[in-house]
Amino acid sequence: MHFITFVLKNLTRRPTRTALTVLGLAVAVGSMIALLGISNNVERAVAESFERRGIDLIIMERGKPNQTDSDLDEKLVERVRKLEGVEQVDAALAIFMDLTSPSGATVPTLCFGWPPENFGYNDLKLLDGRRLVASDTRKAMLGFKRAQELNKGVGDTIKLHDEPFEVVGVFESFTVYENGAVLIQLKDAQELERRPGSISGFSVRVRKSADNPDADVEAVRQRIEALTDEKGRPTRLSAQSVREYVQTMLYIRIVRAMVWMVSVIAVAIGVISMMNTMVMSILERTQEIGILRAVGWTRGRVVRMVLGEAVLIALLAAAVGTVGAIAATHALAASPRVSGFIEPGIAPTVVLQGFALTALIALLGGLYPALRAARLLPTEAIRHD
């Protein structure tokens, strides 16, 4: 009998216990993989929304954890636009607004106030209607996911902060959170928020040379952060690259912290569960292990057998947990409360991370039982009752 066949046979001798161990471990691992996947998807969506538009720097108020918390004077846009090396600047007011659903409930919705010349419009695929123009007032465009959830289309009316807006277009974006968002004129967003002349931040495209583009971006960054107001005081602008911006976003840092916390708990639960299962298995098979030692099995071979069983259980649990995590992200993404913020599915790199952590659980949980089994003396093990 081949070694791997022998290991598999050991697992099928107690199918109920093996199945329960797999299921318990799959729940812990699936939770970990789901959170890892959500964190990865959020970071990727945010980064992609800027990188695919060729944005080099994101400008916001220094010290603010998110762009939605930033509050800048709209006049700064013109000053930055005139700086040497700046190719294009687009301002926005990104805010969360109460959107009234068909049931009458209010749903917090990401809303973008864009000026009509914003280059972000060029990356939106218009599914119905038209885009916003400078003369529009109290007009809105809906991401197609938000339009589906509200059952609204061109010509319908939505309410933002209880103020009516006519839907003039439905669009599809390459990034998930724009598909669940609402676009309105910057002036309308400022009025609704009672923030005249205010923006949350702006995006900058830098005029880069072929020789040293990074140096060109860094030079523009320094010029922006060195700007002062009319009294010579620093404007407290923070100019970050896309990667820097994503790494410092507050809610992404919170998600990362949750992922680490759940991962530690999952590893601890998994190790204890695996150790309990393998110790019970060793106690039940003490005589069998003694016979194997008597017929020539080395201690190393016994250790490999026990660890092999633990690894197979863990890999099966990882597979079940991954399927559960994928299903959970799809179910979560379908919920109106988080629609437009979470992209369903799990990236292959996250699945590999989950399998690696599960293999670690198997090795940690199976190590003590394996060493205990290897230390059994053949004569004592055979006499064990």
Protein backbone atom coordinates (compact mmCIF):
# COMPACT_ATOMS: atom_id res chain seq x y z
CA MET A 1 0.00 0.00 0.00
CA HIS A 2 1.37 3.39 -0.98
CA PHE A 3 2.08 5.85 1.82
CA ILE A 4 -0.48 8.46 0.63
CA THR A 5 -3.13 5.73 0.27
CA PHE A 6 -2.43 4.63 3.83
CA VAL A 7 -2.84 8.21 5.07
CA LEU A 8 -6.14 8.64 3.20
CA LYS A 9 -7.43 5.35 4.62
CA ASN A 10 -6.72 6.55 8.14
CA LEU A 11 -8.90 9.61 7.57
CA THR A 12 -11.85 7.61 6.23
CA ARG A 13 -11.90 5.24 9.21
CA ARG A 14 -13.66 7.91 11.30
CA PRO A 15 -15.62 9.77 8.60
CA THR A 16 -17.92 11.65 11.01
CA ARG A 17 -15.07 13.03 13.10
CA THR A 18 -13.07 13.93 9.99
CA ALA A 19 -16.08 15.68 8.44
CA LEU A 20 -16.81 17.68 11.61
CA THR A 21 -13.16 18.72 11.89
CA VAL A 22 -13.16 19.81 8.24
CA LEU A 23 -16.40 21.75 8.69
CA GLY A 24 -15.26 23.53 11.85
CA LEU A 25 -11.93 24.45 10.33
CA ALA A 26 -13.64 25.52 7.08
CA VAL A 27 -15.79 28.05 8.96
CA ALA A 28 -12.72 29.63 10.56
CA VAL A 29 -10.69 29.58 7.36
CA GLY A 30 -13.63 30.76 5.23
CA SER A 31 -14.13 33.80 7.48
CA MET A 32 -10.46 34.63 7.17
CA ILE A 33 -10.44 34.23 3.37
CA ALA A 34 -13.65 36.28 3.00
CA LEU A 35 -12.21 39.21 4.94
CA LEU A 36 -8.89 38.95 3.11
CA GLY A 37 -10.80 38.96 -0.17
CA ILE A 38 -12.96 41.97 0.77
CA SER A 39 -9.89 43.94 1.89
CA ASN A 40 -8.04 43.08 -1.31
CA ASN A 41 -11.04 43.94 -3.52
CA VAL A 42 -11.57 47.31 -1.84
CA GLU A 43 -7.91 48.29 -2.18
CA ARG A 44 -7.81 47.15 -5.80
CA ALA A 45 -11.02 49.00 -6.73
CA VAL A 46 -9.88 52.26 -5.16
CA ALA A 47 -6.42 52.07 -6.73
CA GLU A 48 -7.84 51.11 -10.12
CA SER A 49 -10.26 54.04 -10.13
CA PHE A 50 -7.28 56.43 -10.11
CA GLU A 51 -4.59 54.46 -11.97
CA ARG A 52 -6.74 53.68 -15.02
CA ARG A 53 -7.44 57.38 -15.38
CA GLY A 54 -3.75 58.19 -15.46
CA ILE A 55 -3.82 60.08 -12.16
CA ASP A 56 -0.40 60.70 -10.62
CA LEU A 57 -1.24 62.59 -7.43
CA ILE A 58 -4.28 62.82 -5.15
CA ILE A 59 -4.61 66.08 -3.25
CA MET A 60 -6.55 66.39 -0.02
CA GLU A 61 -6.41 68.17 3.30
CA ARG A 62 -3.40 67.10 5.34
CA GLY A 63 -4.19 64.99 8.39
CA LYS A 64 -7.56 63.73 7.15
CA PRO A 65 -7.99 59.93 7.06
CA ASN A 66 -10.26 59.88 4.00
CA GLN A 67 -11.05 62.17 1.10
CA THR A 68 -14.68 62.33 2.25
CA ASP A 69 -13.44 64.08 5.43
CA SER A 70 -11.27 66.59 3.57
CA ASP A 71 -12.41 70.19 3.12
CA LEU A 72 -10.51 72.41 0.69
CA ASP A 73 -11.11 75.76 -0.96
CA GLU A 74 -12.15 75.31 -4.58
CA LYS A 75 -9.90 78.23 -5.56
CA LEU A 76 -6.85 76.03 -4.92
CA VAL A 77 -7.65 74.09 -8.09
CA GLU A 78 -6.78 77.03 -10.34
CA ARG A 79 -3.58 77.69 -8.44
CA VAL A 80 -2.47 74.08 -8.79
CA ARG A 81 -3.47 74.04 -12.46
CA LYS A 82 -1.01 76.89 -13.12
CA LEU A 83 1.95 75.14 -11.47
CA GLU A 84 4.86 74.05 -13.64
CA GLY A 85 4.60 70.41 -14.67
CA VAL A 86 0.86 70.07 -14.06
CA GLU A 87 -1.00 68.74 -17.08
CA GLN A 88 -4.56 68.47 -15.80
CA VAL A 89 -6.48 68.95 -12.55
CA ASP A 90 -9.96 67.73 -11.69
CA ALA A 91 -11.81 68.62 -8.50
CA ALA A 92 -14.53 66.64 -6.76
CA LEU A 93 -16.67 66.68 -3.66
CA ALA A 94 -16.99 63.07 -2.45
CA ILE A 95 -19.63 62.70 0.24
CA PHE A 96 -22.10 60.22 1.72
CA MET A 97 -25.70 61.29 1.25
CA ASP A 98 -29.02 59.89 2.42
CA LEU A 99 -30.74 58.40 -0.61
CA THR A 100 -34.43 57.60 -0.18
CA SER A 101 -35.22 54.05 -1.36
CA PRO A 102 -38.58 53.02 -2.91
CA SER A 103 -39.62 51.64 0.49
CA GLY A 104 -39.11 55.07 2.04
CA ALA A 105 -35.99 54.08 3.97
CA THR A 106 -32.84 56.16 3.70
CA VAL A 107 -29.72 54.42 2.44
CA PRO A 108 -26.26 56.03 2.90
CA THR A 109 -24.94 56.35 -0.64
CA LEU A 110 -21.61 57.52 -1.99
CA CYS A 111 -22.21 60.66 -4.02
CA PHE A 112 -19.73 62.47 -6.25
CA GLY A 113 -20.05 66.12 -7.07
CA TRP A 114 -18.12 66.58 -10.32
CA PRO A 115 -17.70 69.70 -12.43
CA PRO A 116 -18.89 69.14 -16.03
CA GLU A 117 -15.31 69.11 -17.38
CA ASN A 118 -14.15 66.30 -15.05
CA PHE A 119 -12.17 63.76 -17.09
CA GLY A 120 -13.77 60.94 -15.11
CA TYR A 121 -16.78 61.19 -17.39
CA ASN A 122 -14.66 59.89 -20.27
CA ASP A 123 -14.30 56.49 -18.56
CA LEU A 124 -18.01 55.98 -17.91
CA LYS A 125 -20.00 53.83 -20.29
CA LEU A 126 -23.37 55.50 -20.81
CA LEU A 127 -26.09 52.83 -20.73
CA ASP A 128 -29.05 55.19 -21.01
CA GLY A 129 -29.70 58.92 -21.26
CA ARG A 130 -26.91 61.49 -21.26
CA ARG A 131 -24.11 62.87 -19.12
CA LEU A 132 -24.33 65.98 -16.99
CA VAL A 133 -23.68 69.35 -18.61
CA ALA A 134 -22.84 72.76 -17.17
CA SER A 135 -26.41 74.07 -17.37
CA ASP A 136 -27.88 71.19 -15.34
CA THR A 137 -29.37 71.87 -11.93
CA ARG A 138 -30.79 69.18 -9.67
CA LYS A 139 -29.90 66.50 -12.21
CA ALA A 140 -28.22 63.19 -11.42
CA MET A 141 -26.60 60.19 -13.04
CA LEU A 142 -26.88 56.74 -11.44
CA GLY A 143 -24.44 53.87 -11.46
CA PHE A 144 -26.25 50.92 -12.98
CA LYS A 145 -26.23 48.89 -9.75
CA ARG A 146 -27.81 51.74 -7.82
CA ALA A 147 -30.33 52.21 -10.62
CA GLN A 148 -31.29 48.53 -10.47
CA GLU A 149 -31.71 48.57 -6.70
CA LEU A 150 -33.86 51.69 -6.81
CA ASN A 151 -35.67 50.56 -9.95
CA LYS A 152 -35.04 54.00 -11.38
CA GLY A 153 -34.18 55.11 -14.88
CA VAL A 154 -33.92 58.18 -17.06
CA GLY A 155 -36.74 60.60 -16.34
CA ASP A 156 -37.40 59.27 -12.83
CA THR A 157 -36.83 61.26 -9.66
CA ILE A 158 -34.63 60.36 -6.69
CA LYS A 159 -34.22 62.15 -3.38
CA LEU A 160 -30.84 63.11 -1.92
CA HIS A 161 -31.09 64.58 1.58
CA ASP A 162 -34.84 64.78 0.83
CA GLU A 163 -34.16 67.03 -2.18
CA PRO A 164 -35.56 65.83 -5.57
CA PHE A 165 -33.15 65.13 -8.44
CA GLU A 166 -34.10 64.08 -11.95
CA VAL A 167 -32.18 61.11 -13.35
CA VAL A 168 -30.72 62.04 -16.74
CA GLY A 169 -28.34 59.12 -17.26
CA VAL A 170 -27.41 55.60 -16.15
CA PHE A 171 -23.77 54.57 -16.47
CA GLU A 172 -21.40 51.67 -15.97
CA SER A 173 -17.89 52.19 -14.57
CA PHE A 174 -14.88 49.89 -14.41
CA THR A 175 -14.84 50.25 -10.62
CA VAL A 176 -17.46 48.74 -8.33
CA TYR A 177 -18.07 51.65 -5.99
CA GLU A 178 -18.82 54.07 -8.86
CA ASN A 179 -21.43 51.60 -10.14
CA GLY A 180 -23.23 51.99 -6.82
CA ALA A 181 -22.79 55.75 -6.62
CA VAL A 182 -24.69 58.86 -7.67
CA LEU A 183 -23.12 61.64 -9.77
CA ILE A 184 -24.38 65.20 -9.49
CA GLN A 185 -23.04 68.63 -10.35
CA LEU A 186 -20.35 69.96 -8.02
CA LYS A 187 -22.42 73.10 -7.36
CA ASP A 188 -25.43 70.96 -6.34
CA ALA A 189 -23.31 68.85 -3.99
CA GLN A 190 -21.90 71.98 -2.36
CA GLU A 191 -25.39 73.38 -1.90
CA LEU A 192 -26.78 70.17 -0.39
CA GLU A 193 -23.87 69.94 2.03
CA ARG A 194 -23.93 73.66 2.77
CA ARG A 195 -20.29 73.88 1.74
CA PRO A 196 -20.14 76.68 -0.87
CA GLY A 197 -16.83 76.79 -2.72
CA SER A 198 -15.66 73.62 -1.00
CA ILE A 199 -14.20 70.43 -2.44
CA SER A 200 -12.97 67.26 -0.74
CA GLY A 201 -9.95 66.93 -3.00
CA PHE A 202 -8.66 66.88 -6.53
CA SER A 203 -6.69 64.64 -8.85
CA VAL A 204 -3.61 65.71 -10.78
CA ARG A 205 -2.07 64.43 -13.97
CA VAL A 206 1.59 65.36 -14.24
CA ARG A 207 3.38 66.24 -17.48
CA LYS A 208 6.10 63.59 -17.36
CA SER A 209 9.27 63.20 -19.39
CA ALA A 210 10.37 59.86 -20.79
CA ASP A 211 13.73 60.07 -19.01
CA ASN A 212 12.68 60.41 -15.38
CA PRO A 213 8.89 60.44 -14.83
CA ASP A 214 9.15 59.74 -11.09
CA ALA A 215 11.27 62.83 -10.57
CA ASP A 216 8.71 64.93 -12.48
CA VAL A 217 5.90 63.69 -10.23
CA GLU A 218 7.96 64.32 -7.10
CA ALA A 219 8.76 67.87 -8.25
CA VAL A 220 5.07 68.65 -8.73
CA ARG A 221 4.27 67.11 -5.37
CA GLN A 222 6.73 69.44 -3.64
CA ARG A 223 5.34 72.48 -5.44
CA ILE A 224 1.80 71.62 -4.39
CA GLU A 225 2.67 70.99 -0.74
CA ALA A 226 4.69 74.25 -0.65
CA LEU A 227 1.67 76.40 -1.61
CA THR A 228 0.65 79.10 0.85
CA ASP A 229 -2.47 81.19 1.27
CA GLU A 230 -2.74 84.96 0.77
CA LYS A 231 -1.30 85.51 4.26
CA GLY A 232 1.72 83.31 3.62
CA ARG A 233 0.45 80.44 5.76
CA PRO A 234 0.78 76.82 4.54
CA THR A 235 -2.32 75.53 2.80
CA ARG A 236 -1.85 72.13 4.50
CA LEU A 237 -2.25 70.21 1.28
CA SER A 238 -1.25 66.56 1.17
CA ALA A 239 -0.17 65.27 -2.26
CA GLN A 240 -0.02 61.49 -2.37
CA SER A 241 0.56 58.89 -5.02
CA VAL A 242 -2.27 56.43 -5.62
CA ARG A 243 -0.54 53.68 -3.66
CA GLU A 244 0.21 56.01 -0.74
CA TYR A 245 -3.40 57.20 -0.71
CA VAL A 246 -4.79 53.66 -0.66
CA GLN A 247 -2.38 52.57 2.08
CA THR A 248 -3.41 55.44 4.37
CA MET A 249 -7.21 55.35 3.90
CA LEU A 250 -8.85 54.91 7.28
CA TYR A 251 -11.51 52.37 6.39
CA ILE A 252 -8.97 50.24 4.52
CA ARG A 253 -6.74 50.28 7.61
CA ILE A 254 -9.76 49.25 9.70
CA VAL A 255 -10.54 46.37 7.35
CA ARG A 256 -6.89 45.27 7.47
CA ALA A 257 -6.95 45.32 11.28
CA MET A 258 -10.13 43.22 11.27
CA VAL A 259 -8.52 40.78 8.85
CA TRP A 260 -5.50 40.32 11.11
CA MET A 261 -7.69 39.91 14.19
CA VAL A 262 -9.91 37.32 12.53
CA SER A 263 -6.86 35.57 11.06
CA VAL A 264 -5.24 35.23 14.48
CA ILE A 265 -8.48 33.91 15.97
CA ALA A 266 -8.97 31.54 13.03
CA VAL A 267 -5.43 30.18 13.35
CA ALA A 268 -5.86 29.69 17.11
CA ILE A 269 -9.20 27.90 16.72
CA GLY A 270 -7.85 25.83 13.86
CA VAL A 271 -4.73 24.76 15.72
CA ILE A 272 -6.73 23.71 18.80
CA SER A 273 -9.30 21.86 16.69
CA MET A 274 -6.61 20.11 14.66
CA MET A 275 -4.61 19.17 17.74
CA ASN A 276 -7.70 17.74 19.47
CA THR A 277 -8.61 15.63 16.44
CA MET A 278 -5.10 14.29 15.90
CA VAL A 279 -4.49 13.51 19.59
CA MET A 280 -7.72 11.50 19.72
CA SER A 281 -6.69 9.71 16.53
CA ILE A 282 -3.27 8.82 17.99
CA LEU A 283 -4.78 7.53 21.25
CA GLU A 284 -7.19 5.28 19.35
CA ARG A 285 -4.40 3.91 17.13
CA THR A 286 -1.67 3.44 19.72
CA GLN A 287 -1.39 -0.31 19.14
CA GLU A 288 -1.41 0.14 15.39
CA ILE A 289 1.43 2.67 15.62
CA GLY A 290 3.34 0.25 17.83
CA ILE A 291 3.00 -2.46 15.19
CA LEU A 292 4.18 -0.06 12.48
CA ARG A 293 7.22 0.79 14.60
CA ALA A 294 7.86 -2.90 15.21
CA VAL A 295 7.84 -3.73 11.50
CA GLY A 296 10.41 -1.06 10.74
CA TRP A 297 8.71 2.32 10.50
CA THR A 298 11.06 5.06 11.63
CA ARG A 299 10.03 7.90 13.90
CA GLY A 300 10.30 10.29 10.96
CA ARG A 301 7.88 8.18 8.91
CA VAL A 302 5.36 8.19 11.76
CA VAL A 303 5.69 11.98 12.04
CA ARG A 304 5.11 12.33 8.29
CA MET A 305 2.03 10.11 8.50
CA VAL A 306 0.40 12.18 11.24
CA LEU A 307 1.32 15.51 9.64
CA GLY A 308 0.13 14.19 6.28
CA GLU A 309 -3.28 13.44 7.76
CA ALA A 310 -3.43 16.91 9.32
CA VAL A 311 -2.45 18.61 6.05
CA LEU A 312 -5.05 16.69 4.04
CA ILE A 313 -7.77 17.66 6.52
CA ALA A 314 -6.62 21.29 6.37
CA LEU A 315 -6.51 21.43 2.57
CA LEU A 316 -10.01 19.96 2.34
CA ALA A 317 -11.18 22.54 4.89
CA ALA A 318 -9.49 25.31 2.88
CA ALA A 319 -11.31 24.20 -0.28
CA VAL A 320 -14.69 24.15 1.50
CA GLY A 321 -13.92 27.45 3.24
CA THR A 322 -12.96 29.11 -0.06
CA VAL A 323 -16.25 28.09 -1.68
CA GLY A 324 -18.10 29.44 1.35
CA ALA A 325 -16.11 32.69 1.27
CA ILE A 326 -16.87 33.26 -2.42
CA ALA A 327 -20.58 32.63 -1.79
CA ALA A 328 -20.51 34.96 1.23
CA THR A 329 -18.96 37.84 -0.73
CA HIS A 330 -21.55 37.47 -3.48
CA ALA A 331 -24.37 37.47 -0.92
CA LEU A 332 -22.88 40.48 0.87
CA ALA A 333 -22.38 42.41 -2.36
CA ALA A 334 -26.05 41.85 -3.23
CA SER A 335 -27.18 43.53 -0.01
CA PRO A 336 -28.47 47.10 -0.61
CA ARG A 337 -26.62 48.31 2.49
CA VAL A 338 -23.19 47.54 1.05
CA SER A 339 -23.93 47.45 -2.66
CA GLY A 340 -21.45 49.60 -4.53
CA PHE A 341 -18.78 49.22 -1.86
CA ILE A 342 -17.89 45.52 -2.04
CA GLU A 343 -16.91 43.61 -5.14
CA PRO A 344 -17.89 39.91 -5.04
CA GLY A 345 -15.40 37.11 -5.53
CA ILE A 346 -11.99 36.22 -4.16
CA ALA A 347 -8.72 36.95 -5.97
CA PRO A 348 -6.48 33.90 -6.67
CA THR A 349 -3.68 35.43 -4.59
CA VAL A 350 -6.03 35.63 -1.60
CA VAL A 351 -7.03 31.99 -2.07
CA LEU A 352 -3.35 31.02 -2.06
CA GLN A 353 -2.82 33.02 1.14
CA GLY A 354 -5.76 31.19 2.71
CA PHE A 355 -4.39 27.79 1.73
CA ALA A 356 -0.95 28.74 3.05
CA LEU A 357 -2.37 29.80 6.42
CA THR A 358 -4.44 26.61 6.57
CA ALA A 359 -1.33 24.52 5.89
CA LEU A 360 0.34 26.39 8.76
CA ILE A 361 -2.62 25.49 10.99
CA ALA A 362 -2.17 21.83 10.01
CA LEU A 363 1.54 21.84 10.82
CA LEU A 364 1.10 23.64 14.16
CA GLY A 365 -1.90 21.56 15.19
CA GLY A 366 -0.43 18.26 14.07
CA LEU A 367 3.12 18.72 15.35
CA TYR A 368 2.54 17.75 19.00
CA PRO A 369 0.41 14.64 18.19
CA ALA A 370 3.00 13.62 15.56
CA LEU A 371 5.90 13.90 18.00
CA ARG A 372 3.90 12.06 20.66
CA ALA A 373 3.17 9.23 18.26
CA ALA A 374 6.83 9.05 17.16
CA ARG A 375 8.04 8.73 20.78
CA LEU A 376 5.93 5.62 21.41
CA LEU A 377 8.07 2.53 21.99
CA PRO A 378 6.89 -0.49 20.00
CA THR A 379 6.63 -2.77 23.06
CA GLU A 380 4.66 -0.21 25.12
CA ALA A 381 2.40 0.69 22.24
CA ILE A 382 1.53 -2.96 21.47
CA ARG A 383 0.67 -3.61 25.13
CA HIS A 384 -1.50 -0.46 25.28
CA ASP A 385 -5.16 -1.13 26.00
